[in-house]
């Protein structure tokens, strides 16, 4: 068996894409649902400002391969 890590580009690059992905995760859903529309927009804008300039998301993954 071989084990190595690899970098996987997610295709998420803009602040809006990154924030949509992250805020769409199950552990954020109850919080986001608890907000009214202006509150959700405020959270989204603040998150987009926070990630502006970070570039595309690349995830490091461990790969196990049997020979």
PDB file of N, CA and C in Angstrom:
ATOM      1  N   UNK A   1       0.846  -1.175   0.000  1.00  0.00           N
ATOM      2  CA  UNK A   1       0.000   0.000   0.000  1.00  0.00           C
ATOM      3  C   UNK A   1       0.888   1.233   0.000  1.00  0.00           C
ATOM      4  N   UNK A   2       0.466   2.227  -0.766  1.00  0.00           N
ATOM      5  CA  UNK A   2       1.185   3.499  -0.813  1.00  0.00           C
ATOM      6  C   UNK A   2       0.302   4.581  -0.233  1.00  0.00           C
ATOM      7  N   UNK A   3       0.938   5.515   0.460  1.00  0.00           N
ATOM      8  CA  UNK A   3       0.233   6.653   1.054  1.00  0.00           C
ATOM      9  C   UNK A   3       0.966   7.922   0.634  1.00  0.00           C
ATOM     10  N   UNK A   4       0.222   8.879   0.129  1.00  0.00           N
ATOM     11  CA  UNK A   4       0.813  10.182  -0.183  1.00  0.00           C
ATOM     12  C   UNK A   4      -0.254  11.258  -0.062  1.00  0.00           C
ATOM     13  N   UNK A   5       0.184  12.480   0.004  1.00  0.00           N
ATOM     14  CA  UNK A   5      -0.757  13.595   0.018  1.00  0.00           C
ATOM     15  C   UNK A   5      -0.729  14.263  -1.344  1.00  0.00           C
ATOM     16  N   UNK A   6      -1.851  14.840  -1.676  1.00  0.00           N
ATOM     17  CA  UNK A   6      -1.952  15.548  -2.941  1.00  0.00           C
ATOM     18  C   UNK A   6      -2.787  16.811  -2.745  1.00  0.00           C
ATOM     19  N   UNK A   7      -2.508  17.799  -3.524  1.00  0.00           N
ATOM     20  CA  UNK A   7      -3.263  19.055  -3.484  1.00  0.00           C
ATOM     21  C   UNK A   7      -4.399  18.963  -4.499  1.00  0.00           C
ATOM     22  N   UNK A   8      -5.611  19.222  -4.038  1.00  0.00           N
ATOM     23  CA  UNK A   8      -6.789  19.125  -4.900  1.00  0.00           C
ATOM     24  C   UNK A   8      -7.422  20.506  -5.052  1.00  0.00           C
ATOM     25  N   UNK A   9      -7.366  21.086  -6.243  1.00  0.00           N
ATOM     26  CA  UNK A   9      -8.032  22.363  -6.465  1.00  0.00           C
ATOM     27  C   UNK A   9      -9.550  22.155  -6.402  1.00  0.00           C
ATOM     28  N   UNK A  10     -10.248  22.985  -5.654  1.00  0.00           N
ATOM     29  CA  UNK A  10     -11.696  22.832  -5.498  1.00  0.00           C
ATOM     30  C   UNK A  10     -12.487  23.552  -6.580  1.00  0.00           C
ATOM     31  N   UNK A  11     -11.854  24.476  -7.264  1.00  0.00           N
ATOM     32  CA  UNK A  11     -12.573  25.278  -8.241  1.00  0.00           C
ATOM     33  C   UNK A  11     -13.242  26.495  -7.612  1.00  0.00           C
ATOM     34  N   UNK A  12     -13.092  26.645  -6.293  1.00  0.00           N
ATOM     35  CA  UNK A  12     -13.662  27.794  -5.590  1.00  0.00           C
ATOM     36  C   UNK A  12     -12.592  28.866  -5.489  1.00  0.00           C
ATOM     37  N   UNK A  13     -12.852  30.025  -6.060  1.00  0.00           N
ATOM     38  CA  UNK A  13     -11.801  31.041  -6.099  1.00  0.00           C
ATOM     39  C   UNK A  13     -12.244  32.412  -5.616  1.00  0.00           C
ATOM     40  N   UNK A  14     -13.470  32.785  -5.918  1.00  0.00           N
ATOM     41  CA  UNK A  14     -13.912  34.138  -5.546  1.00  0.00           C
ATOM     42  C   UNK A  14     -14.392  34.143  -4.097  1.00  0.00           C
ATOM     43  N   UNK A  15     -14.367  35.298  -3.454  1.00  0.00           N
ATOM     44  CA  UNK A  15     -14.896  35.369  -2.093  1.00  0.00           C
ATOM     45  C   UNK A  15     -16.338  34.856  -2.001  1.00  0.00           C
ATOM     46  N   UNK A  16     -17.178  35.174  -2.977  1.00  0.00           N
ATOM     47  CA  UNK A  16     -18.577  34.720  -2.953  1.00  0.00           C
ATOM     48  C   UNK A  16     -18.658  33.198  -3.019  1.00  0.00           C
ATOM     49  N   UNK A  17     -17.838  32.569  -3.858  1.00  0.00           N
ATOM     50  CA  UNK A  17     -17.839  31.104  -3.958  1.00  0.00           C
ATOM     51  C   UNK A  17     -17.366  30.459  -2.663  1.00  0.00           C
ATOM     52  N   UNK A  18     -16.285  30.986  -2.108  1.00  0.00           N
ATOM     53  CA  UNK A  18     -15.747  30.430  -0.866  1.00  0.00           C
ATOM     54  C   UNK A  18     -16.745  30.542   0.271  1.00  0.00           C
ATOM     55  N   UNK A  19     -17.388  31.688   0.393  1.00  0.00           N
ATOM     56  CA  UNK A  19     -18.347  31.912   1.474  1.00  0.00           C
ATOM     57  C   UNK A  19     -19.593  31.052   1.269  1.00  0.00           C
ATOM     58  N   UNK A  20     -20.092  30.951   0.064  1.00  0.00           N
ATOM     59  CA  UNK A  20     -21.265  30.111  -0.199  1.00  0.00           C
ATOM     60  C   UNK A  20     -20.994  28.667   0.181  1.00  0.00           C
ATOM     61  N   UNK A  21     -19.820  28.174  -0.174  1.00  0.00           N
ATOM     62  CA  UNK A  21     -19.438  26.798   0.159  1.00  0.00           C
ATOM     63  C   UNK A  21     -19.401  26.611   1.675  1.00  0.00           C
ATOM     64  N   UNK A  22     -18.707  27.508   2.355  1.00  0.00           N
ATOM     65  CA  UNK A  22     -18.527  27.349   3.799  1.00  0.00           C
ATOM     66  C   UNK A  22     -19.831  27.550   4.563  1.00  0.00           C
ATOM     67  N   UNK A  23     -20.593  28.585   4.229  1.00  0.00           N
ATOM     68  CA  UNK A  23     -21.841  28.838   4.942  1.00  0.00           C
ATOM     69  C   UNK A  23     -22.930  27.827   4.579  1.00  0.00           C
ATOM     70  N   UNK A  24     -22.727  27.077   3.502  1.00  0.00           N
ATOM     71  CA  UNK A  24     -23.668  26.037   3.110  1.00  0.00           C
ATOM     72  C   UNK A  24     -23.450  24.726   3.839  1.00  0.00           C
ATOM     73  N   UNK A  25     -22.413  24.636   4.661  1.00  0.00           N
ATOM     74  CA  UNK A  25     -22.143  23.396   5.395  1.00  0.00           C
ATOM     75  C   UNK A  25     -23.172  23.195   6.506  1.00  0.00           C
ATOM     76  N   UNK A  26     -23.410  21.928   6.822  1.00  0.00           N
ATOM     77  CA  UNK A  26     -24.464  21.565   7.773  1.00  0.00           C
ATOM     78  C   UNK A  26     -24.302  22.233   9.143  1.00  0.00           C
ATOM     79  N   UNK A  27     -23.091  22.423   9.608  1.00  0.00           N
ATOM     80  CA  UNK A  27     -22.933  22.994  10.945  1.00  0.00           C
ATOM     81  C   UNK A  27     -23.217  24.499  10.981  1.00  0.00           C
ATOM     82  N   UNK A  28     -23.304  25.153   9.824  1.00  0.00           N
ATOM     83  CA  UNK A  28     -23.679  26.569   9.788  1.00  0.00           C
ATOM     84  C   UNK A  28     -25.159  26.774   9.477  1.00  0.00           C
ATOM     85  N   UNK A  29     -25.813  25.782   8.925  1.00  0.00           N
ATOM     86  CA  UNK A  29     -27.194  25.927   8.467  1.00  0.00           C
ATOM     87  C   UNK A  29     -28.141  26.407   9.566  1.00  0.00           C
ATOM     88  N   UNK A  30     -28.132  25.817  10.759  1.00  0.00           N
ATOM     89  CA  UNK A  30     -29.071  26.305  11.784  1.00  0.00           C
ATOM     90  C   UNK A  30     -28.842  27.777  12.145  1.00  0.00           C
ATOM     91  N   UNK A  31     -27.597  28.180  12.220  1.00  0.00           N
ATOM     92  CA  UNK A  31     -27.297  29.576  12.525  1.00  0.00           C
ATOM     93  C   UNK A  31     -27.810  30.490  11.418  1.00  0.00           C
ATOM     94  N   UNK A  32     -27.509  30.135  10.176  1.00  0.00           N
ATOM     95  CA  UNK A  32     -27.931  30.978   9.058  1.00  0.00           C
ATOM     96  C   UNK A  32     -29.458  31.047   8.975  1.00  0.00           C
ATOM     97  N   UNK A  33     -30.152  29.929   9.250  1.00  0.00           N
ATOM     98  CA  UNK A  33     -31.622  29.922   9.232  1.00  0.00           C
ATOM     99  C   UNK A  33     -32.201  30.786  10.339  1.00  0.00           C
ATOM    100  N   UNK A  34     -31.454  30.939  11.422  1.00  0.00           N
ATOM    101  CA  UNK A  34     -31.973  31.726  12.548  1.00  0.00           C
ATOM    102  C   UNK A  34     -31.950  33.231  12.269  1.00  0.00           C
ATOM    103  N   UNK A  35     -31.243  33.631  11.227  1.00  0.00           N
ATOM    104  CA  UNK A  35     -31.124  35.052  10.895  1.00  0.00           C
ATOM    105  C   UNK A  35     -32.198  35.467   9.898  1.00  0.00           C
ATOM    106  N   UNK A  36     -32.604  36.729   9.974  1.00  0.00           N
ATOM    107  CA  UNK A  36     -33.484  37.257   8.944  1.00  0.00           C
ATOM    108  C   UNK A  36     -32.632  37.578   7.713  1.00  0.00           C
ATOM    109  N   UNK A  37     -33.274  37.924   6.615  1.00  0.00           N
ATOM    110  CA  UNK A  37     -32.548  38.168   5.356  1.00  0.00           C
ATOM    111  C   UNK A  37     -31.457  39.228   5.506  1.00  0.00           C
ATOM    112  N   UNK A  38     -31.726  40.379   6.157  1.00  0.00           N
ATOM    113  CA  UNK A  38     -30.640  41.353   6.318  1.00  0.00           C
ATOM    114  C   UNK A  38     -29.477  40.801   7.154  1.00  0.00           C
ATOM    115  N   UNK A  39     -29.787  40.003   8.154  1.00  0.00           N
ATOM    116  CA  UNK A  39     -28.730  39.413   8.975  1.00  0.00           C
ATOM    117  C   UNK A  39     -27.878  38.437   8.183  1.00  0.00           C
ATOM    118  N   UNK A  40     -28.519  37.599   7.360  1.00  0.00           N
ATOM    119  CA  UNK A  40     -27.768  36.656   6.508  1.00  0.00           C
ATOM    120  C   UNK A  40     -26.873  37.420   5.543  1.00  0.00           C
ATOM    121  N   UNK A  41     -27.413  38.483   4.958  1.00  0.00           N
ATOM    122  CA  UNK A  41     -26.610  39.286   4.025  1.00  0.00           C
ATOM    123  C   UNK A  41     -25.423  39.929   4.723  1.00  0.00           C
ATOM    124  N   UNK A  42     -25.630  40.377   5.951  1.00  0.00           N
ATOM    125  CA  UNK A  42     -24.535  40.992   6.712  1.00  0.00           C
ATOM    126  C   UNK A  42     -23.439  39.972   7.014  1.00  0.00           C
ATOM    127  N   UNK A  43     -23.833  38.772   7.420  1.00  0.00           N
ATOM    128  CA  UNK A  43     -22.852  37.709   7.684  1.00  0.00           C
ATOM    129  C   UNK A  43     -22.088  37.380   6.406  1.00  0.00           C
ATOM    130  N   UNK A  44     -22.807  37.242   5.311  1.00  0.00           N
ATOM    131  CA  UNK A  44     -22.178  36.897   4.026  1.00  0.00           C
ATOM    132  C   UNK A  44     -21.180  37.981   3.598  1.00  0.00           C
ATOM    133  N   UNK A  45     -21.575  39.245   3.701  1.00  0.00           N
ATOM    134  CA  UNK A  45     -20.667  40.337   3.312  1.00  0.00           C
ATOM    135  C   UNK A  45     -19.420  40.368   4.192  1.00  0.00           C
ATOM    136  N   UNK A  46     -19.602  40.182   5.503  1.00  0.00           N
ATOM    137  CA  UNK A  46     -18.455  40.179   6.419  1.00  0.00           C
ATOM    138  C   UNK A  46     -17.522  39.017   6.104  1.00  0.00           C
ATOM    139  N   UNK A  47     -18.090  37.860   5.806  1.00  0.00           N
ATOM    140  CA  UNK A  47     -17.271  36.689   5.472  1.00  0.00           C
ATOM    141  C   UNK A  47     -16.529  36.907   4.157  1.00  0.00           C
ATOM    142  N   UNK A  48     -17.188  37.506   3.181  1.00  0.00           N
ATOM    143  CA  UNK A  48     -16.530  37.778   1.897  1.00  0.00           C
ATOM    144  C   UNK A  48     -15.377  38.757   2.070  1.00  0.00           C
ATOM    145  N   UNK A  49     -15.572  39.758   2.919  1.00  0.00           N
ATOM    146  CA  UNK A  49     -14.465  40.694   3.189  1.00  0.00           C
ATOM    147  C   UNK A  49     -13.302  39.959   3.864  1.00  0.00           C
ATOM    148  N   UNK A  50     -13.626  39.037   4.752  1.00  0.00           N
ATOM    149  CA  UNK A  50     -12.586  38.316   5.496  1.00  0.00           C
ATOM    150  C   UNK A  50     -11.732  37.432   4.595  1.00  0.00           C
ATOM    151  N   UNK A  51     -12.319  36.877   3.537  1.00  0.00           N
ATOM    152  CA  UNK A  51     -11.552  35.972   2.669  1.00  0.00           C
ATOM    153  C   UNK A  51     -11.051  36.639   1.394  1.00  0.00           C
ATOM    154  N   UNK A  52     -11.374  37.908   1.208  1.00  0.00           N
ATOM    155  CA  UNK A  52     -10.927  38.614  -0.003  1.00  0.00           C
ATOM    156  C   UNK A  52      -9.404  38.551  -0.110  1.00  0.00           C
ATOM    157  N   UNK A  53      -8.931  38.202  -1.278  1.00  0.00           N
ATOM    158  CA  UNK A  53      -7.493  38.162  -1.522  1.00  0.00           C
ATOM    159  C   UNK A  53      -6.814  36.863  -1.132  1.00  0.00           C
ATOM    160  N   UNK A  54      -7.583  35.872  -0.680  1.00  0.00           N
ATOM    161  CA  UNK A  54      -6.955  34.610  -0.271  1.00  0.00           C
ATOM    162  C   UNK A  54      -6.663  33.685  -1.439  1.00  0.00           C
ATOM    163  N   UNK A  55      -7.313  33.903  -2.557  1.00  0.00           N
ATOM    164  CA  UNK A  55      -7.063  33.066  -3.726  1.00  0.00           C
ATOM    165  C   UNK A  55      -7.892  31.799  -3.716  1.00  0.00           C
ATOM    166  N   UNK A  56      -7.684  30.938  -4.700  1.00  0.00           N
ATOM    167  CA  UNK A  56      -8.469  29.709  -4.830  1.00  0.00           C
ATOM    168  C   UNK A  56      -8.224  28.754  -3.657  1.00  0.00           C
ATOM    169  N   UNK A  57      -9.250  27.989  -3.332  1.00  0.00           N
ATOM    170  CA  UNK A  57      -9.138  27.003  -2.258  1.00  0.00           C
ATOM    171  C   UNK A  57      -8.542  25.713  -2.818  1.00  0.00           C
ATOM    172  N   UNK A  58      -7.442  25.296  -2.237  1.00  0.00           N
ATOM    173  CA  UNK A  58      -6.795  24.037  -2.575  1.00  0.00           C
ATOM    174  C   UNK A  58      -6.752  23.213  -1.294  1.00  0.00           C
ATOM    175  N   UNK A  59      -7.292  22.003  -1.349  1.00  0.00           N
ATOM    176  CA  UNK A  59      -7.376  21.139  -0.178  1.00  0.00           C
ATOM    177  C   UNK A  59      -6.309  20.062  -0.271  1.00  0.00           C
ATOM    178  N   UNK A  60      -5.594  19.858   0.816  1.00  0.00           N
ATOM    179  CA  UNK A  60      -4.612  18.773   0.884  1.00  0.00           C
ATOM    180  C   UNK A  60      -5.311  17.508   1.324  1.00  0.00           C
ATOM    181  N   UNK A  61      -5.166  16.440   0.543  1.00  0.00           N
ATOM    182  CA  UNK A  61      -5.853  15.172   0.856  1.00  0.00           C
ATOM    183  C   UNK A  61      -4.830  14.041   0.922  1.00  0.00           C
ATOM    184  N   UNK A  62      -5.110  13.102   1.807  1.00  0.00           N
ATOM    185  CA  UNK A  62      -4.293  11.901   1.921  1.00  0.00           C
ATOM    186  C   UNK A  62      -4.872  10.859   0.981  1.00  0.00           C
ATOM    187  N   UNK A  63      -4.013  10.223   0.192  1.00  0.00           N
ATOM    188  CA  UNK A  63      -4.443   9.217  -0.762  1.00  0.00           C
ATOM    189  C   UNK A  63      -3.804   7.887  -0.370  1.00  0.00           C
ATOM    190  N   UNK A  64      -4.644   6.866  -0.236  1.00  0.00           N
ATOM    191  CA  UNK A  64      -4.164   5.505   0.037  1.00  0.00           C
ATOM    192  C   UNK A  64      -4.353   4.707  -1.245  1.00  0.00           C
ATOM    193  N   UNK A  65      -3.319   4.041  -1.692  1.00  0.00           N
ATOM    194  CA  UNK A  65      -3.421   3.268  -2.924  1.00  0.00           C
ATOM    195  C   UNK A  65      -2.837   1.869  -2.696  1.00  0.00           C
ATOM    196  N   UNK A  66      -3.640   0.865  -3.054  1.00  0.00           N
ATOM    197  CA  UNK A  66      -3.163  -0.506  -2.956  1.00  0.00           C
ATOM    198  C   UNK A  66      -2.517  -0.883  -4.284  1.00  0.00           C
ATOM    199  N   UNK A  67      -1.442  -1.631  -4.210  1.00  0.00           N
ATOM    200  CA  UNK A  67      -0.774  -2.052  -5.450  1.00  0.00           C
ATOM    201  C   UNK A  67      -1.088  -3.498  -5.737  1.00  0.00           C
TER     202      UNK A  67
END
